[in-house]
């Protein structure tokens, strides 16, 4: 009788695997400036081991805290962020809110980043390291 054992060790993740962390910043951001008036990306910056992206979404002013849910999907060097507003819209005003995203990406020179909000694609951009 032949008995075989599989190697149960797992391979460490490759350096190109992307880990994405995203969070909404509480409060209306009326004083923030975007790159262009029709642009949802406020800013982005590559560091040695990550890409930091700040985007703005427009939503009702009330409530100003605990209102957004973010979900990310990673496919190779592409990252898709979906932002969902859970607030009821209790006030008669609109504010920009900031969503901060950090993508851990040590050895990647470019990332295709998309963001969806209210079933609309608000960002679709290839972001490259300088």
N, C-alpha and C. Protein backbone atom coordinates (compact mmCIF):
# COMPACT_ATOMS: atom_id res chain seq x y z
N UNK A 1 0.84 -1.16 0.00
CA UNK A 1 0.00 0.00 0.00
C UNK A 1 0.90 1.24 0.00
N UNK A 2 0.53 2.22 -0.83
CA UNK A 2 1.26 3.47 -0.93
C UNK A 2 0.48 4.57 -0.23
N UNK A 3 1.11 5.29 0.63
CA UNK A 3 0.45 6.40 1.31
C UNK A 3 1.19 7.67 0.93
N UNK A 4 0.43 8.69 0.61
CA UNK A 4 1.02 9.96 0.20
C UNK A 4 0.53 11.07 1.12
N UNK A 5 1.41 11.95 1.43
CA UNK A 5 1.02 13.11 2.23
C UNK A 5 1.24 14.36 1.40
N UNK A 6 0.28 15.23 1.41
CA UNK A 6 0.43 16.52 0.74
C UNK A 6 1.17 17.47 1.66
N UNK A 7 1.92 18.34 1.05
CA UNK A 7 2.59 19.38 1.81
C UNK A 7 1.54 20.40 2.24
N UNK A 8 1.35 20.55 3.53
CA UNK A 8 0.33 21.43 4.05
C UNK A 8 0.82 22.84 4.29
N UNK A 9 2.07 23.11 3.98
CA UNK A 9 2.55 24.48 4.17
C UNK A 9 2.00 25.37 3.06
N UNK A 10 1.79 26.60 3.37
CA UNK A 10 1.31 27.54 2.36
C UNK A 10 2.45 28.44 1.95
N UNK A 11 2.41 28.85 0.72
CA UNK A 11 3.44 29.75 0.23
C UNK A 11 3.18 31.14 0.77
N UNK A 12 4.24 31.87 1.11
CA UNK A 12 4.02 33.26 1.55
C UNK A 12 3.46 34.07 0.39
N UNK A 13 2.69 35.10 0.68
CA UNK A 13 2.15 35.90 -0.40
C UNK A 13 3.26 36.54 -1.21
N UNK A 14 3.05 36.65 -2.52
CA UNK A 14 4.03 37.32 -3.35
C UNK A 14 4.06 38.80 -3.02
N UNK A 15 5.20 39.43 -3.28
CA UNK A 15 5.32 40.85 -2.97
C UNK A 15 4.33 41.69 -3.75
N UNK A 16 3.86 41.20 -4.89
CA UNK A 16 2.95 41.99 -5.71
C UNK A 16 1.50 41.86 -5.26
N UNK A 17 1.21 41.04 -4.26
CA UNK A 17 -0.15 40.97 -3.76
C UNK A 17 -0.54 42.32 -3.17
N UNK A 18 -1.75 42.75 -3.47
CA UNK A 18 -2.22 44.05 -2.98
C UNK A 18 -3.12 43.87 -1.78
N UNK A 19 -2.86 44.61 -0.74
CA UNK A 19 -3.74 44.69 0.41
C UNK A 19 -4.32 46.09 0.43
N UNK A 20 -5.65 46.18 0.55
CA UNK A 20 -6.32 47.47 0.45
C UNK A 20 -7.06 47.77 1.74
N UNK A 21 -6.88 48.98 2.24
CA UNK A 21 -7.56 49.46 3.44
C UNK A 21 -8.28 50.75 3.08
N UNK A 22 -9.54 50.84 3.41
CA UNK A 22 -10.30 52.02 3.04
C UNK A 22 -11.19 52.44 4.20
N UNK A 23 -11.31 53.76 4.40
CA UNK A 23 -12.15 54.26 5.48
C UNK A 23 -12.71 55.63 5.10
N UNK A 24 -13.88 55.92 5.61
CA UNK A 24 -14.49 57.23 5.41
C UNK A 24 -14.11 58.14 6.57
N UNK A 25 -13.81 59.38 6.26
CA UNK A 25 -13.49 60.38 7.28
C UNK A 25 -14.78 61.08 7.65
N UNK A 26 -15.09 61.12 8.93
CA UNK A 26 -16.33 61.75 9.39
C UNK A 26 -16.30 63.25 9.14
N UNK A 27 -17.46 63.80 8.83
CA UNK A 27 -17.62 65.24 8.71
C UNK A 27 -17.54 65.76 7.29
N UNK A 28 -18.25 66.82 7.06
CA UNK A 28 -18.29 67.51 5.77
C UNK A 28 -16.94 68.14 5.48
N UNK A 29 -16.48 68.04 4.25
CA UNK A 29 -15.15 68.55 3.86
C UNK A 29 -15.27 69.72 2.89
N UNK A 30 -15.93 70.78 3.28
CA UNK A 30 -16.16 71.92 2.39
C UNK A 30 -14.89 72.64 1.97
N UNK A 31 -13.82 72.52 2.71
CA UNK A 31 -12.62 73.30 2.41
C UNK A 31 -11.59 72.53 1.58
N UNK A 32 -11.87 71.30 1.21
CA UNK A 32 -10.89 70.51 0.45
C UNK A 32 -10.93 70.87 -1.02
N UNK A 33 -9.78 70.78 -1.67
CA UNK A 33 -9.68 71.11 -3.09
C UNK A 33 -9.35 69.85 -3.88
N UNK A 34 -10.01 69.67 -5.01
CA UNK A 34 -9.75 68.55 -5.89
C UNK A 34 -8.79 69.00 -6.99
N UNK A 35 -8.27 68.02 -7.72
CA UNK A 35 -7.36 68.35 -8.83
C UNK A 35 -8.09 69.14 -9.91
N UNK A 36 -9.37 68.84 -10.13
CA UNK A 36 -10.21 69.56 -11.10
C UNK A 36 -11.63 69.55 -10.57
N UNK A 37 -12.44 70.48 -11.01
CA UNK A 37 -13.79 70.61 -10.45
C UNK A 37 -14.66 69.39 -10.69
N UNK A 38 -14.41 68.63 -11.77
CA UNK A 38 -15.22 67.46 -12.06
C UNK A 38 -14.54 66.16 -11.65
N UNK A 39 -13.48 66.22 -10.88
CA UNK A 39 -12.69 65.06 -10.50
C UNK A 39 -13.07 64.60 -9.10
N UNK A 40 -13.23 63.29 -8.92
CA UNK A 40 -13.54 62.74 -7.60
C UNK A 40 -12.29 62.46 -6.79
N UNK A 41 -11.13 62.34 -7.45
CA UNK A 41 -9.88 62.12 -6.71
C UNK A 41 -9.39 63.46 -6.18
N UNK A 42 -9.22 63.51 -4.89
CA UNK A 42 -8.67 64.72 -4.26
C UNK A 42 -7.16 64.71 -4.38
N UNK A 43 -6.55 63.55 -4.06
CA UNK A 43 -5.10 63.44 -4.16
C UNK A 43 -4.71 61.97 -4.16
N UNK A 44 -3.50 61.71 -4.66
CA UNK A 44 -2.91 60.38 -4.52
C UNK A 44 -1.40 60.52 -4.44
N UNK A 45 -0.76 59.55 -3.78
CA UNK A 45 0.68 59.61 -3.60
C UNK A 45 1.23 58.21 -3.38
N UNK A 46 2.24 57.85 -4.17
CA UNK A 46 2.98 56.62 -3.93
C UNK A 46 4.01 56.87 -2.85
N UNK A 47 4.16 55.92 -1.93
CA UNK A 47 5.27 55.91 -0.99
C UNK A 47 6.10 54.68 -1.33
N UNK A 48 7.09 54.34 -0.52
CA UNK A 48 7.92 53.17 -0.80
C UNK A 48 7.11 51.89 -0.89
N UNK A 49 6.12 51.74 -0.03
CA UNK A 49 5.41 50.46 0.03
C UNK A 49 3.90 50.56 -0.19
N UNK A 50 3.39 51.74 -0.58
CA UNK A 50 1.94 51.86 -0.72
C UNK A 50 1.54 53.00 -1.64
N UNK A 51 0.27 52.99 -2.01
CA UNK A 51 -0.35 54.08 -2.74
C UNK A 51 -1.48 54.60 -1.87
N UNK A 52 -1.48 55.89 -1.61
CA UNK A 52 -2.53 56.51 -0.80
C UNK A 52 -3.40 57.35 -1.72
N UNK A 53 -4.72 57.09 -1.68
CA UNK A 53 -5.67 57.79 -2.54
C UNK A 53 -6.76 58.39 -1.67
N UNK A 54 -7.03 59.67 -1.85
CA UNK A 54 -8.14 60.33 -1.17
C UNK A 54 -9.15 60.74 -2.23
N UNK A 55 -10.39 60.27 -2.08
CA UNK A 55 -11.43 60.65 -3.03
C UNK A 55 -12.54 61.37 -2.28
N UNK A 56 -13.34 62.10 -3.02
CA UNK A 56 -14.48 62.81 -2.45
C UNK A 56 -15.76 62.26 -3.07
N UNK A 57 -16.76 62.06 -2.21
CA UNK A 57 -18.10 61.70 -2.67
C UNK A 57 -19.07 62.72 -2.10
N UNK A 58 -20.08 63.07 -2.88
CA UNK A 58 -21.08 64.03 -2.42
C UNK A 58 -22.25 63.27 -1.83
N UNK A 59 -22.73 63.77 -0.68
CA UNK A 59 -23.84 63.12 0.01
C UNK A 59 -24.57 64.15 0.85
N UNK A 60 -25.72 63.76 1.34
CA UNK A 60 -26.52 64.60 2.22
C UNK A 60 -25.71 64.94 3.46
N UNK A 61 -25.94 66.11 4.04
CA UNK A 61 -25.15 66.59 5.18
C UNK A 61 -25.43 65.86 6.50
N UNK A 62 -26.54 65.20 6.62
CA UNK A 62 -26.90 64.58 7.90
C UNK A 62 -27.11 63.07 7.73
N UNK A 63 -26.61 62.28 8.63
CA UNK A 63 -25.65 62.58 9.69
C UNK A 63 -24.25 62.66 9.10
N UNK A 64 -23.33 63.23 9.88
CA UNK A 64 -21.97 63.41 9.40
C UNK A 64 -21.02 62.28 9.81
N UNK A 65 -21.50 61.32 10.58
CA UNK A 65 -20.61 60.24 11.04
C UNK A 65 -21.24 58.88 10.74
N UNK A 66 -20.39 57.87 10.65
CA UNK A 66 -20.79 56.47 10.49
C UNK A 66 -21.82 56.26 9.39
N UNK A 67 -21.54 56.75 8.20
CA UNK A 67 -22.55 56.68 7.16
C UNK A 67 -22.13 55.89 5.93
N UNK A 68 -20.84 55.64 5.72
CA UNK A 68 -20.38 54.99 4.49
C UNK A 68 -19.84 53.59 4.77
N UNK A 69 -20.12 52.70 3.84
CA UNK A 69 -19.54 51.36 3.83
C UNK A 69 -18.69 51.26 2.58
N UNK A 70 -17.46 50.77 2.72
CA UNK A 70 -16.59 50.60 1.56
C UNK A 70 -16.28 49.12 1.38
N UNK A 71 -16.25 48.70 0.12
CA UNK A 71 -15.91 47.33 -0.25
C UNK A 71 -14.88 47.40 -1.37
N UNK A 72 -13.84 46.59 -1.28
CA UNK A 72 -12.82 46.59 -2.32
C UNK A 72 -12.71 45.22 -2.96
N UNK A 73 -12.37 45.24 -4.25
CA UNK A 73 -12.10 44.03 -5.02
C UNK A 73 -10.76 44.22 -5.69
N UNK A 74 -9.88 43.22 -5.57
CA UNK A 74 -8.56 43.28 -6.18
C UNK A 74 -8.47 42.20 -7.25
N UNK A 75 -8.00 42.59 -8.43
CA UNK A 75 -7.79 41.64 -9.52
C UNK A 75 -6.45 42.00 -10.17
N UNK A 76 -5.40 41.26 -9.84
CA UNK A 76 -4.07 41.58 -10.35
C UNK A 76 -3.62 42.93 -9.84
N UNK A 77 -3.33 43.85 -10.77
CA UNK A 77 -2.91 45.20 -10.37
C UNK A 77 -4.06 46.20 -10.52
N UNK A 78 -5.29 45.69 -10.47
CA UNK A 78 -6.48 46.55 -10.52
C UNK A 78 -7.20 46.51 -9.18
N UNK A 79 -7.65 47.68 -8.73
CA UNK A 79 -8.38 47.79 -7.47
C UNK A 79 -9.69 48.51 -7.75
N UNK A 80 -10.80 47.89 -7.34
CA UNK A 80 -12.12 48.51 -7.48
C UNK A 80 -12.67 48.77 -6.09
N UNK A 81 -13.02 50.02 -5.82
CA UNK A 81 -13.58 50.44 -4.55
C UNK A 81 -15.05 50.76 -4.77
N UNK A 82 -15.91 50.19 -3.95
CA UNK A 82 -17.33 50.51 -4.01
C UNK A 82 -17.70 51.20 -2.70
N UNK A 83 -18.31 52.39 -2.82
CA UNK A 83 -18.71 53.18 -1.66
C UNK A 83 -20.23 53.20 -1.60
N UNK A 84 -20.75 52.88 -0.43
CA UNK A 84 -22.21 52.87 -0.24
C UNK A 84 -22.56 53.83 0.89
N UNK A 85 -23.53 54.69 0.64
CA UNK A 85 -24.02 55.63 1.65
C UNK A 85 -25.20 55.00 2.35
N UNK A 86 -25.13 54.91 3.67
CA UNK A 86 -26.20 54.25 4.44
C UNK A 86 -27.12 55.25 5.14
N UNK A 87 -26.83 56.55 4.99
CA UNK A 87 -27.64 57.57 5.68
C UNK A 87 -28.97 57.79 4.99
N UNK A 88 -29.91 58.30 5.72
CA UNK A 88 -31.27 58.51 5.21
C UNK A 88 -31.45 59.84 4.50
N UNK A 89 -30.53 60.76 4.60
CA UNK A 89 -30.69 62.06 3.96
C UNK A 89 -31.65 62.94 4.73
N UNK A 90 -31.29 63.28 5.95
CA UNK A 90 -32.20 63.98 6.84
C UNK A 90 -32.18 65.50 6.70
N UNK A 91 -31.20 66.06 5.99
CA UNK A 91 -31.08 67.51 5.88
C UNK A 91 -31.24 67.95 4.43
N UNK A 92 -31.45 69.24 4.24
CA UNK A 92 -31.61 69.79 2.91
C UNK A 92 -30.30 70.45 2.47
N UNK A 93 -29.22 69.67 2.43
CA UNK A 93 -27.92 70.18 2.01
C UNK A 93 -27.05 69.02 1.52
N UNK A 94 -26.03 69.35 0.74
CA UNK A 94 -25.11 68.36 0.19
C UNK A 94 -23.69 68.75 0.60
N UNK A 95 -22.88 67.76 0.96
CA UNK A 95 -21.49 67.97 1.37
C UNK A 95 -20.58 66.97 0.67
N UNK A 96 -19.33 67.37 0.44
CA UNK A 96 -18.34 66.37 0.02
C UNK A 96 -17.78 65.65 1.26
N UNK A 97 -17.64 64.35 1.14
CA UNK A 97 -17.04 63.53 2.20
C UNK A 97 -15.81 62.85 1.65
N UNK A 98 -14.81 62.68 2.51
CA UNK A 98 -13.53 62.12 2.09
C UNK A 98 -13.47 60.62 2.40
N UNK A 99 -13.04 59.85 1.40
CA UNK A 99 -12.79 58.42 1.56
C UNK A 99 -11.30 58.21 1.36
N UNK A 100 -10.63 57.69 2.38
CA UNK A 100 -9.18 57.46 2.31
C UNK A 100 -8.94 55.98 2.02
N UNK A 101 -8.07 55.73 1.04
CA UNK A 101 -7.73 54.35 0.66
C UNK A 101 -6.22 54.22 0.65
N UNK A 102 -5.72 53.13 1.24
CA UNK A 102 -4.30 52.81 1.21
C UNK A 102 -4.16 51.44 0.58
N UNK A 103 -3.34 51.36 -0.46
CA UNK A 103 -3.09 50.10 -1.16
C UNK A 103 -1.63 49.75 -0.92
N UNK A 104 -1.38 48.64 -0.22
CA UNK A 104 -0.02 48.18 0.03
C UNK A 104 0.50 47.53 -1.24
N UNK A 105 1.56 48.08 -1.82
CA UNK A 105 2.04 47.62 -3.12
C UNK A 105 3.53 47.91 -3.28
N UNK A 106 4.36 47.11 -2.67
CA UNK A 106 5.79 47.39 -2.64
C UNK A 106 6.45 47.47 -4.01
N UNK A 107 6.20 46.51 -4.88
CA UNK A 107 6.96 46.44 -6.13
C UNK A 107 6.10 46.66 -7.36
N UNK A 108 5.05 47.42 -7.24
CA UNK A 108 4.17 47.68 -8.38
C UNK A 108 4.33 49.14 -8.78
N UNK A 109 4.50 49.37 -10.07
CA UNK A 109 4.72 50.73 -10.57
C UNK A 109 3.44 51.41 -11.03
N UNK A 110 2.37 50.65 -11.23
CA UNK A 110 1.11 51.27 -11.63
C UNK A 110 -0.06 50.43 -11.14
N UNK A 111 -1.15 51.10 -10.85
CA UNK A 111 -2.37 50.46 -10.38
C UNK A 111 -3.54 51.09 -11.13
N UNK A 112 -4.42 50.24 -11.65
CA UNK A 112 -5.64 50.74 -12.26
C UNK A 112 -6.69 50.80 -11.16
N UNK A 113 -7.09 52.02 -10.81
CA UNK A 113 -8.01 52.24 -9.69
C UNK A 113 -9.36 52.71 -10.20
N UNK A 114 -10.41 52.03 -9.76
CA UNK A 114 -11.77 52.47 -10.09
C UNK A 114 -12.56 52.60 -8.80
N UNK A 115 -13.53 53.51 -8.83
CA UNK A 115 -14.40 53.70 -7.67
C UNK A 115 -15.82 53.87 -8.16
N UNK A 116 -16.73 53.18 -7.50
CA UNK A 116 -18.15 53.23 -7.84
C UNK A 116 -18.92 53.79 -6.64
N UNK A 117 -19.84 54.68 -6.95
CA UNK A 117 -20.67 55.31 -5.91
C UNK A 117 -22.07 55.46 -6.47
N UNK A 118 -23.07 54.98 -5.75
CA UNK A 118 -24.46 54.97 -6.24
C UNK A 118 -24.55 54.36 -7.64
N UNK A 119 -23.91 53.22 -7.83
CA UNK A 119 -23.93 52.49 -9.10
C UNK A 119 -23.38 53.27 -10.28
N UNK A 120 -22.61 54.31 -10.02
CA UNK A 120 -21.96 55.08 -11.08
C UNK A 120 -20.45 55.02 -10.88
N UNK A 121 -19.73 54.87 -11.96
CA UNK A 121 -18.28 54.86 -11.91
C UNK A 121 -17.82 56.32 -11.81
N UNK A 122 -17.23 56.69 -10.67
CA UNK A 122 -16.81 58.08 -10.47
C UNK A 122 -15.30 58.26 -10.66
N UNK A 123 -14.56 57.14 -10.63
CA UNK A 123 -13.12 57.19 -10.87
C UNK A 123 -12.75 55.97 -11.70
N UNK A 124 -11.95 56.18 -12.72
CA UNK A 124 -11.33 55.10 -13.51
C UNK A 124 -10.01 55.66 -14.01
N UNK A 125 -8.94 55.31 -13.31
CA UNK A 125 -7.66 55.96 -13.62
C UNK A 125 -6.49 55.00 -13.40
N UNK A 126 -5.56 55.02 -14.35
CA UNK A 126 -4.30 54.31 -14.19
C UNK A 126 -3.36 55.25 -13.46
N UNK A 127 -2.97 54.87 -12.26
CA UNK A 127 -2.09 55.70 -11.43
C UNK A 127 -0.70 55.09 -11.46
N UNK A 128 0.28 55.87 -11.86
CA UNK A 128 1.64 55.36 -12.00
C UNK A 128 2.59 56.03 -11.04
N UNK A 129 3.58 55.27 -10.66
CA UNK A 129 4.65 55.78 -9.78
C UNK A 129 5.54 56.70 -10.59
N UNK A 130 5.94 57.83 -10.05
CA UNK A 130 6.80 58.77 -10.78
C UNK A 130 8.19 58.23 -10.96
